[in-house]
N, C-alpha and C. Protein backbone atom coordinates (compact mmCIF):
# COMPACT_ATOMS: atom_id res chain seq x y z
N MET A 1 103.39 92.67 65.52
CA MET A 1 104.05 94.14 66.15
C MET A 1 103.66 95.10 64.99
N LYS A 2 103.18 95.88 64.22
CA LYS A 2 103.56 96.78 63.49
C LYS A 2 104.52 97.60 63.28
N GLU A 3 105.37 98.04 62.29
CA GLU A 3 106.58 98.85 62.10
C GLU A 3 106.51 99.79 62.61
N GLY A 4 105.31 100.55 62.40
CA GLY A 4 105.02 101.62 63.53
C GLY A 4 104.74 101.72 64.60
N LEU A 5 104.19 100.73 65.27
CA LEU A 5 104.08 100.64 66.38
C LEU A 5 105.26 100.35 67.37
N SER A 6 106.37 99.43 66.70
CA SER A 6 107.86 99.28 67.50
C SER A 6 108.43 100.73 67.39
N PHE A 7 108.28 101.56 66.30
CA PHE A 7 108.65 102.32 66.31
C PHE A 7 108.27 103.35 67.44
N ILE A 8 107.32 103.59 67.97
CA ILE A 8 106.60 104.17 68.91
C ILE A 8 106.90 103.51 69.84
N LEU A 9 107.06 102.50 70.26
CA LEU A 9 107.75 101.79 71.14
C LEU A 9 108.61 102.18 71.88
N LEU A 10 110.07 102.17 70.88
CA LEU A 10 111.19 102.67 71.30
C LEU A 10 111.33 103.99 71.91
N LEU A 11 110.49 104.75 70.84
CA LEU A 11 110.38 106.13 71.28
C LEU A 11 109.84 106.32 72.96
N ILE A 12 108.98 105.73 72.99
CA ILE A 12 107.81 105.99 74.38
C ILE A 12 109.20 105.33 75.28
N ILE A 13 110.07 103.85 75.26
CA ILE A 13 111.34 103.74 75.68
C ILE A 13 112.43 104.81 76.05
N ALA A 14 112.87 105.60 74.94
CA ALA A 14 113.72 106.64 74.96
C ALA A 14 113.08 107.52 76.06
N ALA A 15 112.00 108.19 75.52
CA ALA A 15 111.62 109.38 76.46
C ALA A 15 111.53 108.76 77.93
N SER A 16 111.06 107.58 78.39
CA SER A 16 111.74 107.08 79.71
C SER A 16 113.20 107.18 80.17
N ILE A 17 114.11 106.41 79.29
CA ILE A 17 114.99 106.49 79.78
C ILE A 17 115.76 107.97 79.83
N LEU A 18 115.00 108.85 79.06
CA LEU A 18 115.44 110.07 79.15
C LEU A 18 115.25 110.97 80.45
N ASP A 19 113.98 110.76 80.74
CA ASP A 19 113.27 111.08 81.92
C ASP A 19 114.07 110.21 83.42
N THR A 20 114.26 109.29 83.05
CA THR A 20 115.36 108.34 84.50
C THR A 20 116.52 109.10 84.47
N VAL A 21 117.25 109.46 83.16
CA VAL A 21 118.36 110.36 83.36
C VAL A 21 118.21 111.80 84.31
N THR A 22 117.07 112.47 83.37
CA THR A 22 117.10 113.91 84.26
C THR A 22 116.54 113.52 85.86
N GLN A 23 115.96 112.38 86.26
CA GLN A 23 115.73 112.21 87.73
C GLN A 23 117.09 111.86 88.63
N LEU A 24 117.74 111.38 87.52
CA LEU A 24 119.12 111.06 88.42
C LEU A 24 120.04 111.97 88.82
N LEU A 25 120.16 112.62 87.64
CA LEU A 25 120.90 114.38 87.69
C LEU A 25 120.85 114.96 88.55
N LEU A 26 119.32 115.29 88.51
CA LEU A 26 118.47 116.42 89.58
C LEU A 26 118.78 115.80 91.24
N LYS A 27 118.49 114.49 91.24
CA LYS A 27 119.12 113.64 92.36
C LYS A 27 120.32 113.81 92.99
N SER A 28 121.31 113.48 92.06
CA SER A 28 122.79 114.36 92.06
C SER A 28 122.91 115.46 92.78
N ALA A 29 122.53 116.16 91.98
CA ALA A 29 122.49 117.33 91.95
C ALA A 29 121.97 118.40 93.56
N ILE A 30 121.18 117.63 94.16
CA ILE A 30 120.90 117.89 95.58
C ILE A 30 121.42 117.66 96.34
N ASN A 31 121.62 116.10 95.90
CA ASN A 31 122.30 115.82 97.10
C ASN A 31 124.17 116.08 97.19
N SER A 32 124.05 117.26 95.89
CA SER A 32 125.73 117.37 96.36
C SER A 32 125.19 119.36 97.19
N LEU A 33 124.07 119.43 97.36
CA LEU A 33 124.24 120.39 98.30
C LEU A 33 124.47 120.51 99.63
N ARG A 34 124.76 121.51 100.47
CA ARG A 34 124.73 121.50 101.90
C ARG A 34 123.99 122.04 102.65
N VAL A 35 123.23 123.18 101.78
CA VAL A 35 121.87 124.28 102.81
C VAL A 35 120.82 123.01 102.66
N SER A 36 120.43 123.21 104.09
CA SER A 36 118.66 123.06 104.30
C SER A 36 118.11 124.29 103.98
N VAL A 37 117.05 123.80 103.61
CA VAL A 37 115.94 125.05 103.11
C VAL A 37 114.70 125.03 104.32
N SER A 38 115.20 125.86 104.81
CA SER A 38 113.89 126.51 106.15
C SER A 38 112.98 127.41 105.94
N GLY A 39 112.50 127.99 106.47
CA GLY A 39 110.88 129.07 106.05
C GLY A 39 111.35 130.33 105.47
N SER A 40 112.95 130.42 105.98
CA SER A 40 113.24 131.74 105.97
C SER A 40 113.73 131.82 104.23
N LEU A 41 113.54 133.31 103.98
CA LEU A 41 113.31 133.74 102.49
C LEU A 41 115.17 134.08 101.74
N GLY A 42 115.90 134.35 103.17
CA GLY A 42 116.82 134.29 102.51
C GLY A 42 118.08 132.98 102.33
N LYS A 43 117.44 132.27 102.98
CA LYS A 43 117.86 130.36 102.85
C LYS A 43 116.87 129.93 101.51
N ILE A 44 115.81 130.60 101.38
CA ILE A 44 115.65 130.04 100.11
C ILE A 44 116.22 130.23 98.98
N ILE A 45 116.55 131.59 98.74
CA ILE A 45 117.16 132.33 97.89
C ILE A 45 118.93 131.62 97.96
N GLN A 46 119.36 131.25 98.92
CA GLN A 46 120.67 131.14 99.06
C GLN A 46 120.62 129.77 98.38
N PHE A 47 119.44 128.35 98.61
CA PHE A 47 119.33 127.40 98.15
C PHE A 47 119.32 127.23 96.55
N ILE A 48 118.66 128.17 95.82
CA ILE A 48 118.43 128.13 94.52
C ILE A 48 119.26 128.74 93.81
N MET A 49 119.90 129.60 94.32
CA MET A 49 121.28 130.21 94.29
C MET A 49 122.34 129.39 93.73
N GLN A 50 122.49 128.07 94.31
CA GLN A 50 123.35 127.15 94.67
C GLN A 50 122.61 125.80 93.62
N LEU A 51 121.77 125.63 93.93
CA LEU A 51 121.17 124.96 92.61
C LEU A 51 121.37 125.53 91.23
N ILE A 52 121.11 126.60 90.82
CA ILE A 52 121.51 127.20 89.50
C ILE A 52 122.83 127.21 89.06
N ARG A 53 123.93 127.07 90.05
CA ARG A 53 125.05 126.79 89.72
C ARG A 53 125.51 125.61 89.21
N LEU A 54 124.94 124.46 89.67
CA LEU A 54 125.18 123.23 89.35
C LEU A 54 125.46 122.95 87.90
N PRO A 55 126.15 122.51 87.40
CA PRO A 55 125.75 121.60 85.43
C PRO A 55 124.95 120.75 85.55
N GLN A 56 124.71 119.79 86.44
CA GLN A 56 123.76 118.64 86.81
C GLN A 56 122.65 119.30 86.40
N VAL A 57 122.02 120.51 87.11
CA VAL A 57 121.11 120.58 86.61
C VAL A 57 120.71 121.28 85.68
N TRP A 58 121.77 122.14 84.75
CA TRP A 58 121.69 122.37 83.56
C TRP A 58 121.84 121.47 82.50
N VAL A 59 122.59 120.25 82.52
CA VAL A 59 122.15 118.51 81.96
C VAL A 59 120.81 118.39 82.20
N ALA A 60 120.44 118.12 83.13
CA ALA A 60 119.09 117.56 83.35
C ALA A 60 118.13 117.79 82.37
N LEU A 61 118.23 119.51 82.65
CA LEU A 61 117.04 120.86 81.96
C LEU A 61 117.35 120.13 79.94
N PHE A 62 118.34 120.03 79.91
CA PHE A 62 118.58 119.34 78.52
C PHE A 62 117.96 118.31 78.19
N PHE A 63 118.27 117.30 79.10
CA PHE A 63 117.77 116.09 78.74
C PHE A 63 116.22 116.13 78.80
N SER A 64 115.74 117.01 79.80
CA SER A 64 114.08 117.20 80.32
C SER A 64 113.24 117.61 78.68
N VAL A 65 114.26 118.86 78.21
CA VAL A 65 113.57 119.30 77.11
C VAL A 65 113.89 117.73 75.65
N LEU A 66 114.66 117.50 75.99
CA LEU A 66 114.82 116.52 74.93
C LEU A 66 113.46 114.97 75.12
N ALA A 67 113.28 114.95 76.23
CA ALA A 67 112.66 113.65 76.76
C ALA A 67 111.14 114.45 76.28
N LEU A 68 110.77 115.63 76.34
CA LEU A 68 109.86 116.22 76.18
C LEU A 68 109.59 116.35 74.47
N CYS A 69 110.28 116.62 73.65
CA CYS A 69 110.42 116.20 72.20
C CYS A 69 110.21 115.36 71.65
N VAL A 70 110.71 114.04 72.25
CA VAL A 70 110.42 112.36 71.93
C VAL A 70 108.80 112.40 72.36
N TRP A 71 108.79 113.02 73.80
CA TRP A 71 107.23 112.51 74.04
C TRP A 71 105.96 113.11 73.07
N LEU A 72 106.63 114.64 72.90
CA LEU A 72 105.58 115.30 71.90
C LEU A 72 105.47 114.75 70.27
N PHE A 73 106.32 114.07 70.54
CA PHE A 73 106.19 113.32 68.77
C PHE A 73 105.66 111.86 68.92
N VAL A 74 105.57 111.35 70.17
CA VAL A 74 104.99 110.17 70.48
C VAL A 74 102.95 110.34 70.05
N LEU A 75 103.24 111.54 71.32
CA LEU A 75 101.87 111.76 71.27
C LEU A 75 101.20 112.11 69.99
N SER A 76 101.84 112.50 69.19
CA SER A 76 101.34 112.90 67.79
C SER A 76 101.13 111.65 66.86
N ARG A 77 101.52 110.73 67.17
CA ARG A 77 101.21 109.50 66.54
C ARG A 77 100.44 108.54 67.19
N ALA A 78 100.61 108.56 68.60
CA ALA A 78 99.76 107.16 69.54
C ALA A 78 98.58 107.12 70.39
N ASP A 79 98.22 106.38 70.55
CA ASP A 79 97.08 106.85 71.80
C ASP A 79 98.05 107.05 73.00
N LEU A 80 96.53 108.40 73.69
CA LEU A 80 97.27 109.09 74.84
C LEU A 80 97.12 107.32 75.98
N SER A 81 96.48 106.89 75.61
CA SER A 81 95.96 105.60 76.78
C SER A 81 97.26 104.85 76.72
N LEU A 82 97.61 104.58 75.09
CA LEU A 82 98.77 103.65 74.95
C LEU A 82 99.99 103.94 75.31
N ALA A 83 100.31 105.32 74.97
CA ALA A 83 101.31 106.03 75.15
C ALA A 83 102.10 106.21 76.95
N PHE A 84 100.79 106.55 77.11
CA PHE A 84 101.37 106.98 78.88
C PHE A 84 101.27 105.57 79.62
N SER A 85 100.90 104.57 79.25
CA SER A 85 100.50 103.47 79.91
C SER A 85 102.32 102.64 79.94
N ILE A 86 102.66 102.81 78.77
CA ILE A 86 103.87 102.21 78.40
C ILE A 86 105.12 102.96 79.17
N GLY A 87 104.52 104.51 79.26
CA GLY A 87 105.78 105.45 79.62
C GLY A 87 105.58 105.02 81.30
N SER A 88 105.10 104.39 82.03
CA SER A 88 105.29 104.33 83.28
C SER A 88 106.71 103.07 83.07
N LEU A 89 107.25 102.97 82.21
CA LEU A 89 108.50 102.26 82.39
C LEU A 89 109.77 103.14 83.31
N HIS A 90 109.02 104.65 82.94
CA HIS A 90 109.86 105.15 84.06
C HIS A 90 109.98 104.82 85.50
N TYR A 91 108.83 104.32 86.02
CA TYR A 91 108.55 104.09 87.14
C TYR A 91 110.13 102.65 87.56
N ILE A 92 109.92 101.86 86.81
CA ILE A 92 111.37 100.50 86.48
C ILE A 92 112.24 101.07 86.41
N PHE A 93 112.57 101.87 85.28
CA PHE A 93 113.94 102.16 85.06
C PHE A 93 114.35 103.06 86.69
N ILE A 94 113.53 104.31 87.19
CA ILE A 94 113.75 104.58 88.26
C ILE A 94 114.44 104.00 89.16
N ALA A 95 113.37 102.86 89.66
CA ALA A 95 113.37 101.75 91.02
C ALA A 95 114.32 100.51 90.41
N PHE A 96 115.30 100.47 89.46
CA PHE A 96 116.75 99.99 89.09
C PHE A 96 117.50 100.69 89.51
N SER A 97 117.38 101.66 88.16
CA SER A 97 118.57 102.80 88.76
C SER A 97 119.23 103.62 90.15
N SER A 98 118.21 103.54 90.84
CA SER A 98 117.67 103.82 92.50
C SER A 98 118.82 103.18 93.31
N ARG A 99 117.98 102.08 92.88
CA ARG A 99 118.96 100.57 93.65
C ARG A 99 120.29 100.24 92.96
N PHE A 100 120.47 100.46 91.56
CA PHE A 100 121.77 100.02 91.35
C PHE A 100 122.81 101.34 91.08
N LEU A 101 122.74 102.38 90.53
CA LEU A 101 123.25 103.78 90.23
C LEU A 101 123.44 104.43 91.73
N LEU A 102 122.29 104.65 92.73
CA LEU A 102 122.10 105.52 93.66
C LEU A 102 122.34 104.72 94.91
N LYS A 103 122.99 103.31 94.97
CA LYS A 103 122.81 102.41 95.90
C LYS A 103 121.51 103.02 97.07
N GLU A 104 120.36 103.08 96.80
CA GLU A 104 119.61 103.44 97.76
C GLU A 104 118.97 102.07 98.02
N LYS A 105 117.95 102.28 99.49
CA LYS A 105 117.63 100.67 99.79
C LYS A 105 116.24 100.78 98.83
N VAL A 106 115.55 99.53 97.96
CA VAL A 106 114.29 99.51 97.36
C VAL A 106 113.81 98.31 98.00
N GLY A 107 112.70 98.58 98.75
CA GLY A 107 112.78 97.34 99.55
C GLY A 107 111.51 96.13 98.72
N PHE A 108 111.11 95.26 99.37
CA PHE A 108 110.14 94.38 98.90
C PHE A 108 108.87 94.65 98.34
N LYS A 109 107.78 95.85 98.96
CA LYS A 109 106.80 96.00 98.83
C LYS A 109 107.24 97.01 97.13
N ARG A 110 108.41 98.05 97.36
CA ARG A 110 108.75 98.45 96.17
C ARG A 110 108.86 97.61 94.66
N TRP A 111 109.41 96.52 95.04
CA TRP A 111 109.94 95.67 94.04
C TRP A 111 108.46 94.64 93.76
N LEU A 112 108.06 94.82 94.61
CA LEU A 112 106.37 94.36 94.24
C LEU A 112 105.82 94.96 93.43
N GLY A 113 105.87 96.43 93.42
CA GLY A 113 104.96 97.42 93.04
C GLY A 113 105.36 97.51 91.20
N THR A 114 106.98 97.39 91.50
CA THR A 114 107.31 97.59 90.11
C THR A 114 107.05 96.52 89.37
N PHE A 115 107.23 94.96 90.10
CA PHE A 115 106.79 93.59 89.39
C PHE A 115 105.04 94.43 88.54
N PHE A 116 103.89 94.70 89.64
CA PHE A 116 102.85 94.58 89.14
C PHE A 116 102.92 95.57 88.18
N ILE A 117 103.54 97.14 88.01
CA ILE A 117 103.42 97.58 86.92
C ILE A 117 103.74 97.16 85.77
N VAL A 118 104.96 96.26 85.44
CA VAL A 118 105.52 95.27 84.45
C VAL A 118 104.34 94.44 83.64
N ILE A 119 103.64 93.73 84.38
CA ILE A 119 102.30 93.51 84.77
C ILE A 119 101.37 94.30 83.40
N GLY A 120 101.17 95.19 84.31
CA GLY A 120 100.20 96.49 83.66
C GLY A 120 100.86 97.03 82.35
N ILE A 121 101.53 97.06 81.88
CA ILE A 121 102.51 97.38 80.89
C ILE A 121 102.39 96.34 79.74
N VAL A 122 102.99 95.32 80.04
CA VAL A 122 102.35 93.91 79.08
C VAL A 122 100.64 93.85 78.71
N LEU A 123 100.07 94.04 79.68
CA LEU A 123 98.60 93.84 79.52
C LEU A 123 98.06 95.06 78.70
N VAL A 124 98.56 96.43 78.26
CA VAL A 124 98.49 96.97 78.00
C VAL A 124 98.83 97.12 76.84
N THR A 125 100.21 96.61 76.45
CA THR A 125 100.78 97.04 75.10
C THR A 125 99.82 95.00 74.36
N ILE A 126 99.61 94.53 74.72
CA ILE A 126 99.25 93.46 73.94
C ILE A 126 97.26 93.83 73.80
N GLY A 127 97.21 94.42 74.79
CA GLY A 127 95.43 94.29 74.54
C GLY A 127 94.94 95.09 73.59
């Protein structure tokens, strides 16, 4: 593997990890709210106001912007088809972090799908 490609792969992995952290923070934030969103405009406004007061949302926004900056750098250096395919690592990171950090149940079909994503990433990377 070329040195430049190794660096791009590292950046794609970094962007995927940053995006995964963003999603974990947002999930944590939304789980901490006690307001159910209904069709009422008042409830929706109350929900938004509670959401923007949560520190996790602001930290998630920071990680999201950071991931965007890394991703834009990747796109300036790599083919979109390669970058986007390898960027699918995000799905793998989400599956593992959902299971082990959020203690969510990840069924056999999801693990199987995650396995096929890994196979696809390998094929795209070596192809």
